[in-house]
């Protein structure tokens, strides 16, 4: 590569390298969202359909390219929006995490396998109003976190390295 084109005569190689490095840093600062994970809310703002199909992008908030959350770098949030029954219709899928928020409704999730990516916890239940969250998918991941006052039932074949609970297990 040639870095000396377009610079004033007499500009040192060190100065050119510093200018190039500064330009790269400025570009990274202007586009931080490109490196951040994408998070989608089931039935959230801007979703245009209400079906049980997890794999249908229009069932999720912010349906930019990449919805639904089925790949590494993507995560799903389940709150008090969308249908209470969710079916992963195509898979296996590999999102970073699923989080059930403190105000989540009771959910029944089933379907294809979920192989979570990332350091975890990958399956997080913060629901704290006595909800019942039932997940029948085969799943793998780093950790499950049960932080809310609700019931989390996982069935199917599951392989998580650790489980964190700040409330009594149910």
Protein backbone atom coordinates (compact mmCIF):
# COMPACT_ATOMS: atom_id res chain seq x y z
CA UNK A 1 0.00 0.00 0.00
CA UNK A 2 1.08 3.53 -0.67
CA UNK A 3 0.29 6.04 2.07
CA UNK A 4 2.20 9.04 0.78
CA UNK A 5 -0.13 10.11 -2.03
CA UNK A 6 -2.17 13.20 -1.31
CA UNK A 7 0.07 14.53 1.48
CA UNK A 8 2.00 17.75 1.25
CA UNK A 9 5.56 17.47 0.12
CA UNK A 10 7.93 17.06 3.04
CA UNK A 11 5.38 15.36 5.31
CA UNK A 12 7.24 12.73 7.28
CA UNK A 13 6.24 9.06 7.31
CA UNK A 14 5.58 9.30 11.05
CA UNK A 15 3.16 12.22 10.55
CA UNK A 16 1.34 10.34 7.78
CA UNK A 17 0.97 7.28 10.04
CA UNK A 18 -0.36 9.40 12.90
CA UNK A 19 -2.90 11.07 10.58
CA UNK A 20 -4.01 7.67 9.27
CA UNK A 21 -4.37 6.27 12.81
CA UNK A 22 -6.32 9.36 13.90
CA UNK A 23 -8.67 9.00 10.94
CA UNK A 24 -9.32 5.36 11.82
CA UNK A 25 -10.06 6.25 15.47
CA UNK A 26 -12.40 9.06 14.44
CA UNK A 27 -14.27 6.67 12.13
CA UNK A 28 -14.68 4.15 14.94
CA UNK A 29 -16.03 6.86 17.25
CA UNK A 30 -18.57 7.99 14.65
CA UNK A 31 -19.95 4.48 14.10
CA UNK A 32 -20.08 2.77 17.52
CA UNK A 33 -23.39 1.03 16.77
CA UNK A 34 -21.73 -1.12 14.15
CA UNK A 35 -19.80 -2.98 16.84
CA UNK A 36 -22.63 -3.22 19.38
CA UNK A 37 -24.95 -6.17 19.73
CA UNK A 38 -28.50 -5.76 18.51
CA UNK A 39 -31.37 -6.28 20.93
CA UNK A 40 -34.95 -6.98 19.86
CA UNK A 41 -38.17 -6.92 21.91
CA UNK A 42 -40.81 -9.57 21.19
CA UNK A 43 -43.92 -7.66 20.04
CA UNK A 44 -42.25 -4.34 20.84
CA UNK A 45 -42.46 -0.94 19.18
CA UNK A 46 -42.58 -1.05 15.37
CA UNK A 47 -43.42 -4.76 15.20
CA UNK A 48 -46.14 -5.12 12.58
CA UNK A 49 -47.46 -8.64 13.16
CA UNK A 50 -48.55 -10.74 16.14
CA UNK A 51 -47.99 -14.44 15.49
CA UNK A 52 -46.30 -17.16 17.55
CA UNK A 53 -43.44 -17.44 14.99
CA UNK A 54 -40.14 -16.45 16.65
CA UNK A 55 -38.43 -16.51 13.23
CA UNK A 56 -40.73 -13.89 11.68
CA UNK A 57 -38.85 -10.57 11.76
CA UNK A 58 -42.00 -8.43 11.85
CA UNK A 59 -42.94 -9.91 15.27
CA UNK A 60 -39.97 -8.03 16.77
CA UNK A 61 -39.27 -4.38 17.60
CA UNK A 62 -36.86 -2.42 15.49
CA UNK A 63 -37.08 -4.73 12.50
CA UNK A 64 -33.86 -3.55 10.83
CA UNK A 65 -31.84 -5.97 8.78
CA UNK A 66 -30.98 -8.92 11.00
CA UNK A 67 -34.33 -9.41 12.77
CA UNK A 68 -35.27 -11.82 14.24
CA UNK A 69 -32.53 -12.47 16.83
CA UNK A 70 -31.19 -15.78 15.56
CA UNK A 71 -27.44 -15.09 15.26
CA UNK A 72 -24.46 -14.24 17.45
CA UNK A 73 -24.42 -10.54 18.32
CA UNK A 74 -28.21 -10.48 18.70
CA UNK A 75 -30.35 -10.81 21.81
CA UNK A 76 -34.06 -11.16 22.57
CA UNK A 77 -36.11 -9.48 25.27
CA UNK A 78 -39.51 -10.70 26.33
CA UNK A 79 -41.66 -8.21 28.26
CA UNK A 80 -45.39 -7.51 28.46
CA UNK A 81 -45.81 -7.21 24.68
CA UNK A 82 -46.42 -9.79 21.96
CA UNK A 83 -48.14 -13.14 22.23
CA UNK A 84 -47.51 -15.33 25.27
CA UNK A 85 -46.80 -18.40 23.12
CA UNK A 86 -43.56 -18.36 21.12
CA UNK A 87 -42.37 -21.07 18.71
CA UNK A 88 -38.87 -21.16 17.21
CA UNK A 89 -39.90 -22.47 13.78
CA UNK A 90 -36.47 -22.78 12.15
CA UNK A 91 -33.20 -23.63 13.80
CA UNK A 92 -31.00 -24.21 15.51
CA UNK A 93 -30.62 -20.51 16.34
CA UNK A 94 -27.57 -18.92 18.00
CA UNK A 95 -28.45 -15.60 19.71
CA UNK A 96 -26.32 -14.24 22.56
CA UNK A 97 -29.16 -14.22 25.08
CA UNK A 98 -32.84 -14.26 25.97
CA UNK A 99 -33.99 -11.97 28.79
CA UNK A 100 -37.42 -12.02 30.42
CA UNK A 101 -37.87 -8.53 31.89
CA UNK A 102 -39.28 -7.74 35.33
CA UNK A 103 -42.69 -6.95 33.82
CA UNK A 104 -42.74 -9.93 31.42
CA UNK A 105 -45.96 -11.80 31.01
CA UNK A 106 -46.03 -15.58 31.52
CA UNK A 107 -44.56 -17.26 28.43
CA UNK A 108 -44.56 -20.72 26.87
CA UNK A 109 -41.62 -21.12 24.45
CA UNK A 110 -40.96 -24.21 22.31
CA UNK A 111 -39.61 -25.34 18.96
CA UNK A 112 -36.16 -25.72 17.48
CA UNK A 113 -32.85 -25.80 19.36
CA UNK A 114 -31.25 -22.67 20.85
CA UNK A 115 -27.44 -22.68 21.09
CA UNK A 116 -26.60 -19.46 22.94
CA UNK A 117 -23.36 -17.60 22.21
CA UNK A 118 -21.38 -15.29 24.44
CA UNK A 119 -20.10 -15.30 27.97
CA UNK A 120 -23.53 -15.34 29.55
CA UNK A 121 -25.66 -15.50 31.41
CA UNK A 122 -27.54 -16.41 28.26
CA UNK A 123 -30.96 -17.19 29.70
CA UNK A 124 -32.01 -14.46 32.16
CA UNK A 125 -35.30 -14.43 34.07
CA UNK A 126 -35.95 -11.11 35.82
CA UNK A 127 -39.74 -11.57 35.90
CA UNK A 128 -40.78 -10.69 39.45
CA UNK A 129 -44.57 -10.84 39.73
CA UNK A 130 -45.17 -14.58 40.02
CA UNK A 131 -45.07 -15.24 36.27
CA UNK A 132 -44.52 -18.75 34.90
CA UNK A 133 -41.90 -18.95 32.14
CA UNK A 134 -41.77 -22.36 30.45
CA UNK A 135 -39.16 -23.19 27.81
CA UNK A 136 -39.22 -26.59 26.10
CA UNK A 137 -36.45 -26.03 23.51
CA UNK A 138 -33.19 -27.99 23.55
CA UNK A 139 -30.63 -25.40 24.68
CA UNK A 140 -26.91 -24.94 25.26
CA UNK A 141 -25.18 -21.97 26.84
CA UNK A 142 -22.90 -20.62 29.51
CA UNK A 143 -25.32 -19.71 32.28
CA UNK A 144 -28.92 -19.35 33.42
CA UNK A 145 -29.81 -16.50 35.78
CA UNK A 146 -32.99 -16.67 37.88
CA UNK A 147 -33.22 -13.24 39.50
CA UNK A 148 -36.95 -12.59 39.74
CA UNK A 149 -39.77 -13.88 41.95
CA UNK A 150 -41.26 -16.11 39.27
CA UNK A 151 -41.06 -19.69 38.06
CA UNK A 152 -38.65 -20.65 35.28
CA UNK A 153 -39.10 -24.16 33.90
CA UNK A 154 -36.67 -25.45 31.28
CA UNK A 155 -37.21 -28.83 29.68
CA UNK A 156 -35.78 -30.61 26.70
CA UNK A 157 -32.08 -31.37 26.56
CA UNK A 158 -30.21 -28.51 28.23
CA UNK A 159 -26.50 -27.97 28.79
CA UNK A 160 -25.57 -24.83 30.72
CA UNK A 161 -22.25 -24.46 32.55
CA UNK A 162 -23.67 -22.62 35.58
CA UNK A 163 -26.92 -21.43 37.11
CA UNK A 164 -27.21 -18.22 39.13
CA UNK A 165 -30.19 -17.67 41.41
CA UNK A 166 -30.87 -14.74 43.66
CA UNK A 167 -34.28 -16.12 44.60
CA UNK A 168 -35.24 -19.57 45.86
CA UNK A 169 -35.41 -22.10 43.03
CA UNK A 170 -38.91 -23.23 42.13
